[in-house]
Amino acid sequence: MYFPLYSHRLKKLLDQLRDAIRLKHYAYRTEETDAQWIRRYILFHNKRHPKEMGNVEIKAFLTHLAVEGQVSASTQNQALSALLFLYRAVLNLEMLGIDAVRAKQPQYGLRHPHCAGIAGAQSM
């Protein structure tokens, strides 16, 4: 797939990301997903290089995903994991204290009383 909007510098960064992921023997799908999140992060910040950004920009991106993108908590966590991997494994920078607006967790689960009743009935 060709992305004409991305600069040569971004392609180099994404190649570095892919190399770091392959070095750790992560799944190909993880590689693709992380690369997509990094692209979105860079484009969100008008193609600034991640080395020029930090916690404030990560927080802004994650908050944007939760508030305007209305992504699920697990999707937001996936984006955060990709960004943390980029900063730690590729850029050798540690990002601490990221306190972005978090996407809401689902209200219903197996711990909800109604679901617990259903789970109990199925085990009989």
Foldseek 3Di string as FASTA:
>chain_A
DDDVVADPVLVVLLVLLLVLCVVVVDDPVLSVLLNVLVVVLCVVVVNDDCVVDALVSLQVVLQCCVPVVVDAQVVSVSSVVSVQCSCCRRVVHHHPDRDHDGHDHDPDDCVPPVNVVVVVVVVD
